[in-house]
PDB file of N, CA and C in Angstrom:
ATOM      1  N   UNK A   1      90.432-228.009  75.105  1.00  0.00           N
ATOM      2  CA  UNK A   1      90.348-227.545  75.965  1.00  0.00           C
ATOM      3  C   UNK A   1      90.136-226.167  76.981  1.00  0.00           C
ATOM      4  N   UNK A   2      89.279-226.247  77.839  1.00  0.00           N
ATOM      5  CA  UNK A   2      88.367-225.019  78.181  1.00  0.00           C
ATOM      6  C   UNK A   2      89.427-224.236  78.994  1.00  0.00           C
ATOM      7  N   UNK A   3      89.351-222.821  78.291  1.00  0.00           N
ATOM      8  CA  UNK A   3      89.953-221.497  79.016  1.00  0.00           C
ATOM      9  C   UNK A   3      89.894-221.301  80.321  1.00  0.00           C
ATOM     10  N   UNK A   4      90.620-221.223  81.525  1.00  0.00           N
ATOM     11  CA  UNK A   4      90.201-220.214  82.631  1.00  0.00           C
ATOM     12  C   UNK A   4      89.701-218.985  82.249  1.00  0.00           C
ATOM     13  N   UNK A   5      89.586-218.261  83.138  1.00  0.00           N
ATOM     14  CA  UNK A   5      88.903-216.993  82.834  1.00  0.00           C
ATOM     15  C   UNK A   5      90.250-215.736  83.204  1.00  0.00           C
ATOM     16  N   UNK A   6      91.561-216.068  83.556  1.00  0.00           N
ATOM     17  CA  UNK A   6      92.197-215.477  83.272  1.00  0.00           C
ATOM     18  C   UNK A   6      93.224-215.595  81.832  1.00  0.00           C
ATOM     19  N   UNK A   7      92.918-216.854  80.799  1.00  0.00           N
ATOM     20  CA  UNK A   7      93.005-217.246  79.868  1.00  0.00           C
ATOM     21  C   UNK A   7      92.296-216.495  78.436  1.00  0.00           C
ATOM     22  N   UNK A   8      90.864-216.287  79.461  1.00  0.00           N
ATOM     23  CA  UNK A   8      89.957-215.668  78.198  1.00  0.00           C
ATOM     24  C   UNK A   8      90.063-214.334  78.499  1.00  0.00           C
ATOM     25  N   UNK A   9      90.473-213.600  79.536  1.00  0.00           N
ATOM     26  CA  UNK A   9      90.787-212.345  79.729  1.00  0.00           C
ATOM     27  C   UNK A   9      92.044-212.029  78.642  1.00  0.00           C
ATOM     28  N   UNK A  10      92.937-212.805  78.646  1.00  0.00           N
ATOM     29  CA  UNK A  10      93.987-212.406  78.111  1.00  0.00           C
ATOM     30  C   UNK A  10      94.049-212.347  76.721  1.00  0.00           C
ATOM     31  N   UNK A  11      93.126-213.403  76.049  1.00  0.00           N
ATOM     32  CA  UNK A  11      92.400-213.102  74.890  1.00  0.00           C
ATOM     33  C   UNK A  11      91.920-212.350  74.564  1.00  0.00           C
ATOM     34  N   UNK A  12      90.979-211.929  75.396  1.00  0.00           N
ATOM     35  CA  UNK A  12      90.063-211.078  75.088  1.00  0.00           C
ATOM     36  C   UNK A  12      90.569-209.087  75.285  1.00  0.00           C
ATOM     37  N   UNK A  13      91.888-209.224  75.697  1.00  0.00           N
ATOM     38  CA  UNK A  13      92.668-208.084  76.047  1.00  0.00           C
ATOM     39  C   UNK A  13      93.627-208.054  74.575  1.00  0.00           C
ATOM     40  N   UNK A  14      94.286-209.192  74.298  1.00  0.00           N
ATOM     41  CA  UNK A  14      94.788-209.131  72.998  1.00  0.00           C
ATOM     42  C   UNK A  14      94.118-208.447  71.895  1.00  0.00           C
ATOM     43  N   UNK A  15      92.791-209.401  71.799  1.00  0.00           N
ATOM     44  CA  UNK A  15      92.144-209.104  70.582  1.00  0.00           C
ATOM     45  C   UNK A  15      91.551-207.500  70.714  1.00  0.00           C
ATOM     46  N   UNK A  16      91.486-206.913  71.757  1.00  0.00           N
ATOM     47  CA  UNK A  16      90.837-205.012  72.115  1.00  0.00           C
ATOM     48  C   UNK A  16      92.463-204.623  71.581  1.00  0.00           C
ATOM     49  N   UNK A  17      93.282-204.992  71.555  1.00  0.00           N
ATOM     50  CA  UNK A  17      94.835-204.374  71.361  1.00  0.00           C
ATOM     51  C   UNK A  17      94.690-204.490  69.729  1.00  0.00           C
ATOM     52  N   UNK A  18      94.455-205.733  69.113  1.00  0.00           N
ATOM     53  CA  UNK A  18      94.211-205.630  67.818  1.00  0.00           C
ATOM     54  C   UNK A  18      93.380-204.667  67.073  1.00  0.00           C
ATOM     55  N   UNK A  19      92.156-204.715  67.911  1.00  0.00           N
ATOM     56  CA  UNK A  19      90.958-203.862  67.192  1.00  0.00           C
ATOM     57  C   UNK A  19      91.846-202.599  67.124  1.00  0.00           C
ATOM     58  N   UNK A  20      92.200-201.740  68.335  1.00  0.00           N
ATOM     59  CA  UNK A  20      92.205-201.120  68.361  1.00  0.00           C
ATOM     60  C   UNK A  20      93.379-200.472  67.414  1.00  0.00           C
ATOM     61  N   UNK A  21      94.613-201.518  67.441  1.00  0.00           N
ATOM     62  CA  UNK A  21      95.548-201.008  66.459  1.00  0.00           C
ATOM     63  C   UNK A  21      94.650-200.361  65.155  1.00  0.00           C
ATOM     64  N   UNK A  22      93.897-201.408  64.655  1.00  0.00           N
ATOM     65  CA  UNK A  22      93.484-201.279  63.456  1.00  0.00           C
ATOM     66  C   UNK A  22      92.764-199.585  63.573  1.00  0.00           C
ATOM     67  N   UNK A  23      92.116-199.583  64.243  1.00  0.00           N
ATOM     68  CA  UNK A  23      91.632-198.192  64.534  1.00  0.00           C
ATOM     69  C   UNK A  23      92.904-196.873  64.458  1.00  0.00           C
ATOM     70  N   UNK A  24      93.843-196.976  65.060  1.00  0.00           N
ATOM     71  CA  UNK A  24      95.313-196.323  65.022  1.00  0.00           C
ATOM     72  C   UNK A  24      95.809-196.495  63.552  1.00  0.00           C
ATOM     73  N   UNK A  25      95.651-197.550  62.761  1.00  0.00           N
ATOM     74  CA  UNK A  25      96.581-197.435  61.434  1.00  0.00           C
ATOM     75  C   UNK A  25      95.270-196.865  60.151  1.00  0.00           C
ATOM     76  N   UNK A  26      94.024-196.580  60.900  1.00  0.00           N
ATOM     77  CA  UNK A  26      93.350-195.992  59.842  1.00  0.00           C
ATOM     78  C   UNK A  26      93.462-194.397  60.275  1.00  0.00           C
ATOM     79  N   UNK A  27      93.582-194.293  61.392  1.00  0.00           N
ATOM     80  CA  UNK A  27      94.156-192.622  62.049  1.00  0.00           C
ATOM     81  C   UNK A  27      94.731-192.494  60.917  1.00  0.00           C
ATOM     82  N   UNK A  28      96.497-193.144  60.873  1.00  0.00           N
ATOM     83  CA  UNK A  28      97.527-192.720  60.645  1.00  0.00           C
ATOM     84  C   UNK A  28      98.210-192.199  59.047  1.00  0.00           C
ATOM     85  N   UNK A  29      96.515-192.347  58.430  1.00  0.00           N
ATOM     86  CA  UNK A  29      96.534-191.732  57.228  1.00  0.00           C
ATOM     87  C   UNK A  29      97.009-190.213  57.453  1.00  0.00           C
ATOM     88  N   UNK A  30      96.018-189.578  58.044  1.00  0.00           N
ATOM     89  CA  UNK A  30      96.066-188.213  58.203  1.00  0.00           C
ATOM     90  C   UNK A  30      97.043-187.609  59.140  1.00  0.00           C
ATOM     91  N   UNK A  31      98.523-187.329  58.718  1.00  0.00           N
ATOM     92  CA  UNK A  31      99.354-186.779  59.682  1.00  0.00           C
ATOM     93  C   UNK A  31      98.639-186.245  60.953  1.00  0.00           C
ATOM     94  N   UNK A  32      97.730-185.604  61.575  1.00  0.00           N
ATOM     95  CA  UNK A  32      97.526-185.014  61.772  1.00  0.00           C
ATOM     96  C   UNK A  32      96.935-185.729  63.119  1.00  0.00           C
ATOM     97  N   UNK A  33      96.059-186.575  62.803  1.00  0.00           N
ATOM     98  CA  UNK A  33      95.837-187.583  63.443  1.00  0.00           C
ATOM     99  C   UNK A  33      96.865-188.749  64.332  1.00  0.00           C
ATOM    100  N   UNK A  34      97.960-188.222  63.693  1.00  0.00           N
ATOM    101  CA  UNK A  34      99.076-189.850  64.455  1.00  0.00           C
ATOM    102  C   UNK A  34      98.976-189.492  65.517  1.00  0.00           C
ATOM    103  N   UNK A  35      99.455-188.923  66.104  1.00  0.00           N
ATOM    104  CA  UNK A  35      99.326-188.544  68.000  1.00  0.00           C
ATOM    105  C   UNK A  35      98.209-189.088  68.479  1.00  0.00           C
ATOM    106  N   UNK A  36      97.144-189.094  68.059  1.00  0.00           N
ATOM    107  CA  UNK A  36      96.132-189.744  68.776  1.00  0.00           C
ATOM    108  C   UNK A  36      96.203-191.458  68.400  1.00  0.00           C
ATOM    109  N   UNK A  37      96.437-191.837  67.244  1.00  0.00           N
ATOM    110  CA  UNK A  37      96.823-193.167  67.108  1.00  0.00           C
ATOM    111  C   UNK A  37      97.653-193.911  67.980  1.00  0.00           C
ATOM    112  N   UNK A  38      98.860-193.009  67.830  1.00  0.00           N
ATOM    113  CA  UNK A  38      99.960-193.749  68.858  1.00  0.00           C
ATOM    114  C   UNK A  38      99.412-193.856  70.465  1.00  0.00           C
ATOM    115  N   UNK A  39      98.882-193.158  70.651  1.00  0.00           N
ATOM    116  CA  UNK A  39      98.349-192.885  72.213  1.00  0.00           C
ATOM    117  C   UNK A  39      97.322-193.905  72.628  1.00  0.00           C
ATOM    118  N   UNK A  40      96.394-193.914  71.247  1.00  0.00           N
ATOM    119  CA  UNK A  40      95.610-195.227  71.233  1.00  0.00           C
ATOM    120  C   UNK A  40      96.100-196.856  71.227  1.00  0.00           C
ATOM    121  N   UNK A  41      97.103-196.667  70.411  1.00  0.00           N
ATOM    122  CA  UNK A  41      97.554-197.726  70.382  1.00  0.00           C
ATOM    123  C   UNK A  41      98.798-198.224  71.469  1.00  0.00           C
ATOM    124  N   UNK A  42      98.948-197.190  71.953  1.00  0.00           N
ATOM    125  CA  UNK A  42      99.938-197.368  73.107  1.00  0.00           C
ATOM    126  C   UNK A  42      99.166-198.037  74.619  1.00  0.00           C
ATOM    127  N   UNK A  43      97.902-197.526  74.797  1.00  0.00           N
ATOM    128  CA  UNK A  43      97.369-197.771  75.831  1.00  0.00           C
ATOM    129  C   UNK A  43      96.744-199.117  75.714  1.00  0.00           C
ATOM    130  N   UNK A  44      96.378-199.438  74.707  1.00  0.00           N
ATOM    131  CA  UNK A  44      95.096-200.519  74.382  1.00  0.00           C
ATOM    132  C   UNK A  44      96.235-201.794  74.515  1.00  0.00           C
ATOM    133  N   UNK A  45      97.383-201.795  73.771  1.00  0.00           N
ATOM    134  CA  UNK A  45      98.562-202.645  74.218  1.00  0.00           C
ATOM    135  C   UNK A  45      99.315-203.085  75.559  1.00  0.00           C
ATOM    136  N   UNK A  46      98.844-201.625  76.196  1.00  0.00           N
ATOM    137  CA  UNK A  46      99.571-201.833  77.309  1.00  0.00           C
ATOM    138  C   UNK A  46      98.504-202.645  78.470  1.00  0.00           C
ATOM    139  N   UNK A  47      97.208-202.541  77.985  1.00  0.00           N
ATOM    140  CA  UNK A  47      96.008-203.138  78.897  1.00  0.00           C
ATOM    141  C   UNK A  47      96.776-204.829  78.837  1.00  0.00           C
ATOM    142  N   UNK A  48      97.197-205.659  77.672  1.00  0.00           N
ATOM    143  CA  UNK A  48      97.187-206.667  76.909  1.00  0.00           C
ATOM    144  C   UNK A  48      98.378-207.410  77.692  1.00  0.00           C
ATOM    145  N   UNK A  49      99.415-206.427  77.909  1.00  0.00           N
ATOM    146  CA  UNK A  49     101.171-206.895  78.220  1.00  0.00           C
ATOM    147  C   UNK A  49     101.160-206.837  79.840  1.00  0.00           C
ATOM    148  N   UNK A  50     100.219-205.370  80.467  1.00  0.00           N
ATOM    149  CA  UNK A  50     100.074-205.711  81.723  1.00  0.00           C
ATOM    150  C   UNK A  50      99.148-206.589  82.718  1.00  0.00           C
ATOM    151  N   UNK A  51      98.234-206.561  81.479  1.00  0.00           N
ATOM    152  CA  UNK A  51      97.259-207.803  82.502  1.00  0.00           C
ATOM    153  C   UNK A  51      97.984-209.443  82.241  1.00  0.00           C
ATOM    154  N   UNK A  52      98.956-209.944  81.295  1.00  0.00           N
ATOM    155  CA  UNK A  52      99.769-211.076  81.111  1.00  0.00           C
ATOM    156  C   UNK A  52     100.840-211.001  82.328  1.00  0.00           C
ATOM    157  N   UNK A  53     101.264-209.814  82.304  1.00  0.00           N
ATOM    158  CA  UNK A  53     102.337-209.445  83.725  1.00  0.00           C
ATOM    159  C   UNK A  53     101.452-209.887  85.287  1.00  0.00           C
ATOM    160  N   UNK A  54     100.504-209.124  85.277  1.00  0.00           N
ATOM    161  CA  UNK A  54      99.280-209.272  86.416  1.00  0.00           C
ATOM    162  C   UNK A  54      99.295-211.121  86.917  1.00  0.00           C
ATOM    163  N   UNK A  55      98.955-211.457  85.557  1.00  0.00           N
ATOM    164  CA  UNK A  55      98.767-212.988  85.643  1.00  0.00           C
ATOM    165  C   UNK A  55      99.769-213.436  86.397  1.00  0.00           C
ATOM    166  N   UNK A  56     101.068-213.120  86.252  1.00  0.00           N
ATOM    167  CA  UNK A  56     102.215-213.831  86.652  1.00  0.00           C
ATOM    168  C   UNK A  56     102.976-213.148  87.929  1.00  0.00           C
ATOM    169  N   UNK A  57     101.936-212.457  88.913  1.00  0.00           N
ATOM    170  CA  UNK A  57     103.077-211.390  89.651  1.00  0.00           C
ATOM    171  C   UNK A  57     102.968-212.606  91.009  1.00  0.00           C
ATOM    172  N   UNK A  58     103.856-212.319  91.757  1.00  0.00           N
ATOM    173  CA  UNK A  58     104.714-213.017  92.515  1.00  0.00           C
ATOM    174  C   UNK A  58     103.811-212.618  93.932  1.00  0.00           C
ATOM    175  N   UNK A  59     103.220-211.988  93.853  1.00  0.00           N
ATOM    176  CA  UNK A  59     102.585-211.563  95.267  1.00  0.00           C
ATOM    177  C   UNK A  59     101.555-210.627  94.844  1.00  0.00           C
ATOM    178  N   UNK A  60     100.499-210.712  95.980  1.00  0.00           N
ATOM    179  CA  UNK A  60      98.978-210.433  95.976  1.00  0.00           C
ATOM    180  C   UNK A  60      99.348-208.672  95.963  1.00  0.00           C
ATOM    181  N   UNK A  61     100.258-208.041  96.903  1.00  0.00           N
ATOM    182  CA  UNK A  61     100.634-206.356  96.390  1.00  0.00           C
ATOM    183  C   UNK A  61     101.465-206.360  94.748  1.00  0.00           C
ATOM    184  N   UNK A  62     101.808-207.366  94.179  1.00  0.00           N
ATOM    185  CA  UNK A  62     102.155-206.812  92.791  1.00  0.00           C
ATOM    186  C   UNK A  62     101.696-207.496  92.147  1.00  0.00           C
ATOM    187  N   UNK A  63     100.516-208.020  92.350  1.00  0.00           N
ATOM    188  CA  UNK A  63      99.075-208.376  91.446  1.00  0.00           C
ATOM    189  C   UNK A  63      98.277-207.276  91.314  1.00  0.00           C
ATOM    190  N   UNK A  64      98.137-206.555  92.593  1.00  0.00           N
ATOM    191  CA  UNK A  64      97.006-204.924  93.111  1.00  0.00           C
ATOM    192  C   UNK A  64      97.506-204.107  92.434  1.00  0.00           C
ATOM    193  N   UNK A  65      98.737-203.935  92.391  1.00  0.00           N
ATOM    194  CA  UNK A  65      99.729-203.073  91.576  1.00  0.00           C
ATOM    195  C   UNK A  65      99.551-203.292  90.089  1.00  0.00           C
ATOM    196  N   UNK A  66      99.812-204.282  89.444  1.00  0.00           N
ATOM    197  CA  UNK A  66      99.522-204.558  87.992  1.00  0.00           C
ATOM    198  C   UNK A  66      98.282-203.983  87.531  1.00  0.00           C
ATOM    199  N   UNK A  67      97.014-204.589  88.065  1.00  0.00           N
ATOM    200  CA  UNK A  67      95.872-204.460  87.979  1.00  0.00           C
ATOM    201  C   UNK A  67      95.428-202.969  87.609  1.00  0.00           C
ATOM    202  N   UNK A  68      95.878-202.433  88.887  1.00  0.00           N
ATOM    203  CA  UNK A  68      96.242-200.767  88.552  1.00  0.00           C
ATOM    204  C   UNK A  68      96.210-199.974  87.380  1.00  0.00           C
ATOM    205  N   UNK A  69      97.973-200.711  87.286  1.00  0.00           N
ATOM    206  CA  UNK A  69      98.139-200.214  85.809  1.00  0.00           C
ATOM    207  C   UNK A  69      96.953-200.476  84.749  1.00  0.00           C
ATOM    208  N   UNK A  70      96.360-201.638  84.793  1.00  0.00           N
ATOM    209  CA  UNK A  70      95.700-202.467  83.378  1.00  0.00           C
ATOM    210  C   UNK A  70      94.451-201.367  83.746  1.00  0.00           C
ATOM    211  N   UNK A  71      93.945-200.887  84.913  1.00  0.00           N
ATOM    212  CA  UNK A  71      92.582-200.473  84.558  1.00  0.00           C
ATOM    213  C   UNK A  71      93.300-198.950  84.045  1.00  0.00           C
ATOM    214  N   UNK A  72      94.051-198.540  84.552  1.00  0.00           N
ATOM    215  CA  UNK A  72      94.794-196.810  83.832  1.00  0.00           C
ATOM    216  C   UNK A  72      94.432-197.161  82.414  1.00  0.00           C
ATOM    217  N   UNK A  73      95.201-197.782  82.226  1.00  0.00           N
ATOM    218  CA  UNK A  73      95.339-197.981  80.641  1.00  0.00           C
ATOM    219  C   UNK A  73      93.631-197.901  79.632  1.00  0.00           C
ATOM    220  N   UNK A  74      93.162-198.827  80.797  1.00  0.00           N
ATOM    221  CA  UNK A  74      91.636-199.730  79.517  1.00  0.00           C
ATOM    222  C   UNK A  74      91.119-198.226  79.634  1.00  0.00           C
ATOM    223  N   UNK A  75      91.087-196.999  80.902  1.00  0.00           N
ATOM    224  CA  UNK A  75      90.668-196.238  80.970  1.00  0.00           C
ATOM    225  C   UNK A  75      90.822-194.825  79.909  1.00  0.00           C
ATOM    226  N   UNK A  76      92.183-194.826  79.760  1.00  0.00           N
ATOM    227  CA  UNK A  76      92.913-194.141  78.935  1.00  0.00           C
ATOM    228  C   UNK A  76      92.320-194.723  77.220  1.00  0.00           C
ATOM    229  N   UNK A  77      92.592-195.960  77.044  1.00  0.00           N
ATOM    230  CA  UNK A  77      92.017-196.103  75.877  1.00  0.00           C
ATOM    231  C   UNK A  77      90.182-195.839  75.506  1.00  0.00           C
ATOM    232  N   UNK A  78      90.131-196.005  76.541  1.00  0.00           N
ATOM    233  CA  UNK A  78      87.836-195.069  76.360  1.00  0.00           C
ATOM    234  C   UNK A  78      88.265-193.842  76.222  1.00  0.00           C
ATOM    235  N   UNK A  79      88.908-192.677  77.058  1.00  0.00           N
ATOM    236  CA  UNK A  79      88.978-191.681  76.463  1.00  0.00           C
ATOM    237  C   UNK A  79      89.338-191.643  75.207  1.00  0.00           C
ATOM    238  N   UNK A  80      90.687-192.358  74.637  1.00  0.00           N
ATOM    239  CA  UNK A  80      91.059-191.975  72.953  1.00  0.00           C
ATOM    240  C   UNK A  80      89.759-191.956  71.948  1.00  0.00           C
ATOM    241  N   UNK A  81      89.062-193.211  72.670  1.00  0.00           N
ATOM    242  CA  UNK A  81      87.936-194.052  72.132  1.00  0.00           C
ATOM    243  C   UNK A  81      86.894-192.794  71.433  1.00  0.00           C
ATOM    244  N   UNK A  82      86.720-192.380  72.789  1.00  0.00           N
ATOM    245  CA  UNK A  82      85.627-191.494  72.436  1.00  0.00           C
ATOM    246  C   UNK A  82      86.328-190.043  71.990  1.00  0.00           C
ATOM    247  N   UNK A  83      87.155-189.355  72.336  1.00  0.00           N
ATOM    248  CA  UNK A  83      87.830-188.719  71.868  1.00  0.00           C
ATOM    249  C   UNK A  83      87.842-188.650  70.245  1.00  0.00           C
ATOM    250  N   UNK A  84      88.185-189.534  69.581  1.00  0.00           N
ATOM    251  CA  UNK A  84      88.210-190.033  68.842  1.00  0.00           C
ATOM    252  C   UNK A  84      86.982-190.106  67.363  1.00  0.00           C
ATOM    253  N   UNK A  85      85.813-190.601  68.184  1.00  0.00           N
ATOM    254  CA  UNK A  85      84.711-190.597  67.719  1.00  0.00           C
ATOM    255  C   UNK A  85      84.162-189.259  67.965  1.00  0.00           C
ATOM    256  N   UNK A  86      84.144-188.280  69.144  1.00  0.00           N
ATOM    257  CA  UNK A  86      83.379-187.344  68.799  1.00  0.00           C
ATOM    258  C   UNK A  86      84.256-186.303  68.444  1.00  0.00           C
ATOM    259  N   UNK A  87      85.232-186.296  67.615  1.00  0.00           N
ATOM    260  CA  UNK A  87      85.827-185.355  66.367  1.00  0.00           C
ATOM    261  C   UNK A  87      85.660-185.866  64.987  1.00  0.00           C
ATOM    262  N   UNK A  88      85.060-187.047  65.061  1.00  0.00           N
ATOM    263  CA  UNK A  88      84.290-187.346  64.171  1.00  0.00           C
ATOM    264  C   UNK A  88      85.815-188.209  63.185  1.00  0.00           C
ATOM    265  N   UNK A  89      86.878-188.535  63.164  1.00  0.00           N
ATOM    266  CA  UNK A  89      87.881-188.525  62.618  1.00  0.00           C
ATOM    267  C   UNK A  89      87.697-189.516  61.971  1.00  0.00           C
ATOM    268  N   UNK A  90      87.097-190.651  61.999  1.00  0.00           N
ATOM    269  CA  UNK A  90      86.892-191.865  61.363  1.00  0.00           C
ATOM    270  C   UNK A  90      85.041-191.945  60.935  1.00  0.00           C
ATOM    271  N   UNK A  91      85.258-192.571  59.647  1.00  0.00           N
ATOM    272  CA  UNK A  91      83.648-193.114  59.195  1.00  0.00           C
ATOM    273  C   UNK A  91      83.359-194.374  59.927  1.00  0.00           C
ATOM    274  N   UNK A  92      84.229-195.032  60.202  1.00  0.00           N
ATOM    275  CA  UNK A  92      83.829-196.237  60.722  1.00  0.00           C
ATOM    276  C   UNK A  92      83.028-196.335  62.339  1.00  0.00           C
ATOM    277  N   UNK A  93      82.161-197.426  62.668  1.00  0.00           N
ATOM    278  CA  UNK A  93      81.668-197.039  63.906  1.00  0.00           C
ATOM    279  C   UNK A  93      82.302-197.481  64.907  1.00  0.00           C
ATOM    280  N   UNK A  94      82.736-196.688  65.905  1.00  0.00           N
ATOM    281  CA  UNK A  94      83.581-197.181  67.248  1.00  0.00           C
ATOM    282  C   UNK A  94      82.867-197.609  68.261  1.00  0.00           C
ATOM    283  N   UNK A  95      81.702-197.315  68.319  1.00  0.00           N
ATOM    284  CA  UNK A  95      80.531-197.814  69.424  1.00  0.00           C
ATOM    285  C   UNK A  95      80.813-199.060  70.010  1.00  0.00           C
ATOM    286  N   UNK A  96      81.073-200.066  69.290  1.00  0.00           N
ATOM    287  CA  UNK A  96      81.382-201.827  69.775  1.00  0.00           C
ATOM    288  C   UNK A  96      82.855-201.716  70.533  1.00  0.00           C
ATOM    289  N   UNK A  97      83.651-200.662  69.769  1.00  0.00           N
ATOM    290  CA  UNK A  97      85.211-200.930  70.639  1.00  0.00           C
ATOM    291  C   UNK A  97      84.771-200.040  71.811  1.00  0.00           C
ATOM    292  N   UNK A  98      84.165-198.906  72.030  1.00  0.00           N
ATOM    293  CA  UNK A  98      84.121-198.373  73.197  1.00  0.00           C
ATOM    294  C   UNK A  98      83.244-199.129  74.427  1.00  0.00           C
ATOM    295  N   UNK A  99      82.408-199.741  73.528  1.00  0.00           N
ATOM    296  CA  UNK A  99      81.760-200.943  74.662  1.00  0.00           C
ATOM    297  C   UNK A  99      82.474-202.078  75.341  1.00  0.00           C
ATOM    298  N   UNK A 100      83.460-202.125  74.558  1.00  0.00           N
ATOM    299  CA  UNK A 100      84.437-203.469  75.131  1.00  0.00           C
ATOM    300  C   UNK A 100      85.296-202.742  75.824  1.00  0.00           C
ATOM    301  N   UNK A 101      85.873-201.290  75.373  1.00  0.00           N
ATOM    302  CA  UNK A 101      86.665-200.963  76.694  1.00  0.00           C
ATOM    303  C   UNK A 101      85.811-200.310  77.928  1.00  0.00           C
ATOM    304  N   UNK A 102      84.679-199.820  77.563  1.00  0.00           N
ATOM    305  CA  UNK A 102      83.725-199.761  79.024  1.00  0.00           C
ATOM    306  C   UNK A 102      84.035-200.885  79.690  1.00  0.00           C
ATOM    307  N   UNK A 103      83.608-201.887  78.794  1.00  0.00           N
ATOM    308  CA  UNK A 103      83.640-203.431  79.971  1.00  0.00           C
ATOM    309  C   UNK A 103      84.767-203.852  80.598  1.00  0.00           C
ATOM    310  N   UNK A 104      86.368-203.495  79.635  1.00  0.00           N
ATOM    311  CA  UNK A 104      87.049-203.850  80.196  1.00  0.00           C
ATOM    312  C   UNK A 104      87.550-203.047  81.645  1.00  0.00           C
ATOM    313  N   UNK A 105      87.156-201.286  81.773  1.00  0.00           N
ATOM    314  CA  UNK A 105      87.231-200.550  82.945  1.00  0.00           C
ATOM    315  C   UNK A 105      86.502-201.283  83.649  1.00  0.00           C
ATOM    316  N   UNK A 106      85.324-201.830  83.516  1.00  0.00           N
ATOM    317  CA  UNK A 106      84.794-202.623  84.494  1.00  0.00           C
ATOM    318  C   UNK A 106      85.115-203.493  85.569  1.00  0.00           C
ATOM    319  N   UNK A 107      85.599-204.622  84.523  1.00  0.00           N
ATOM    320  CA  UNK A 107      86.091-205.591  84.883  1.00  0.00           C
ATOM    321  C   UNK A 107      87.830-205.372  85.768  1.00  0.00           C
ATOM    322  N   UNK A 108      88.476-204.357  85.555  1.00  0.00           N
ATOM    323  CA  UNK A 108      89.525-204.206  86.086  1.00  0.00           C
ATOM    324  C   UNK A 108      89.584-203.660  87.579  1.00  0.00           C
ATOM    325  N   UNK A 109      88.431-202.751  87.398  1.00  0.00           N
ATOM    326  CA  UNK A 109      87.905-202.246  88.347  1.00  0.00           C
ATOM    327  C   UNK A 109      87.515-202.907  89.543  1.00  0.00           C
ATOM    328  N   UNK A 110      86.382-203.540  89.180  1.00  0.00           N
ATOM    329  CA  UNK A 110      85.872-204.436  90.322  1.00  0.00           C
ATOM    330  C   UNK A 110      87.428-205.728  90.875  1.00  0.00           C
ATOM    331  N   UNK A 111      88.349-206.184  89.751  1.00  0.00           N
ATOM    332  CA  UNK A 111      89.609-206.421  90.355  1.00  0.00           C
ATOM    333  C   UNK A 111      90.570-206.063  90.978  1.00  0.00           C
ATOM    334  N   UNK A 112      90.543-204.504  90.821  1.00  0.00           N
ATOM    335  CA  UNK A 112      90.897-203.897  91.834  1.00  0.00           C
ATOM    336  C   UNK A 112      91.180-204.220  93.177  1.00  0.00           C
ATOM    337  N   UNK A 113      89.604-203.948  93.281  1.00  0.00           N
ATOM    338  CA  UNK A 113      88.908-203.875  94.361  1.00  0.00           C
ATOM    339  C   UNK A 113      88.971-205.143  95.725  1.00  0.00           C
ATOM    340  N   UNK A 114      88.766-206.094  94.753  1.00  0.00           N
ATOM    341  CA  UNK A 114      89.067-206.956  95.182  1.00  0.00           C
ATOM    342  C   UNK A 114      90.215-207.677  95.435  1.00  0.00           C
ATOM    343  N   UNK A 115      91.537-207.236  94.767  1.00  0.00           N
ATOM    344  CA  UNK A 115      92.927-207.536  95.278  1.00  0.00           C
ATOM    345  C   UNK A 115      93.250-206.578  96.023  1.00  0.00           C
ATOM    346  N   UNK A 116      92.885-205.509  96.114  1.00  0.00           N
ATOM    347  CA  UNK A 116      93.179-204.478  97.551  1.00  0.00           C
ATOM    348  C   UNK A 116      92.313-205.372  99.131  1.00  0.00           C
ATOM    349  N   UNK A 117      91.459-205.658  98.594  1.00  0.00           N
ATOM    350  CA  UNK A 117      90.604-206.484  99.821  1.00  0.00           C
ATOM    351  C   UNK A 117      91.309-207.862 100.299  1.00  0.00           C
ATOM    352  N   UNK A 118      91.902-208.770  99.040  1.00  0.00           N
ATOM    353  CA  UNK A 118      92.742-209.838  99.539  1.00  0.00           C
ATOM    354  C   UNK A 118      93.910-209.304  99.905  1.00  0.00           C
ATOM    355  N   UNK A 119      94.573-208.296  99.812  1.00  0.00           N
ATOM    356  CA  UNK A 119      95.634-207.869 100.443  1.00  0.00           C
ATOM    357  C   UNK A 119      95.861-207.608 101.974  1.00  0.00           C
ATOM    358  N   UNK A 120      94.771-207.295 102.157  1.00  0.00           N
ATOM    359  CA  UNK A 120      94.561-206.990 104.227  1.00  0.00           C
ATOM    360  C   UNK A 120      94.460-208.214 104.883  1.00  0.00           C
TER     361      UNK A 120
END
């Protein structure tokens, strides 16, 4: 069965959260990095959870509000990934995950613009 775009994005955001969890789990081994791990895990999992909620929104205004939250969390996740990379806290290559975070930010920024236009 073919997935629609919202189902594809639900799967994509969930996969992103799983991948960020793996990064956070790797960071957890050093106690000094645990706050960064928590922040990344929270923000990335919030993207997936809030996008699912947006898909169930009961109004255009509710959808726009939830998408705004998703965008904020995606941008925060991007920040934490860049921060972790710049501090060289992990040996693993984070660039593919940073690229995905950047793409999600762009998608949700565009979605928010469209959602706001549709409210008028």
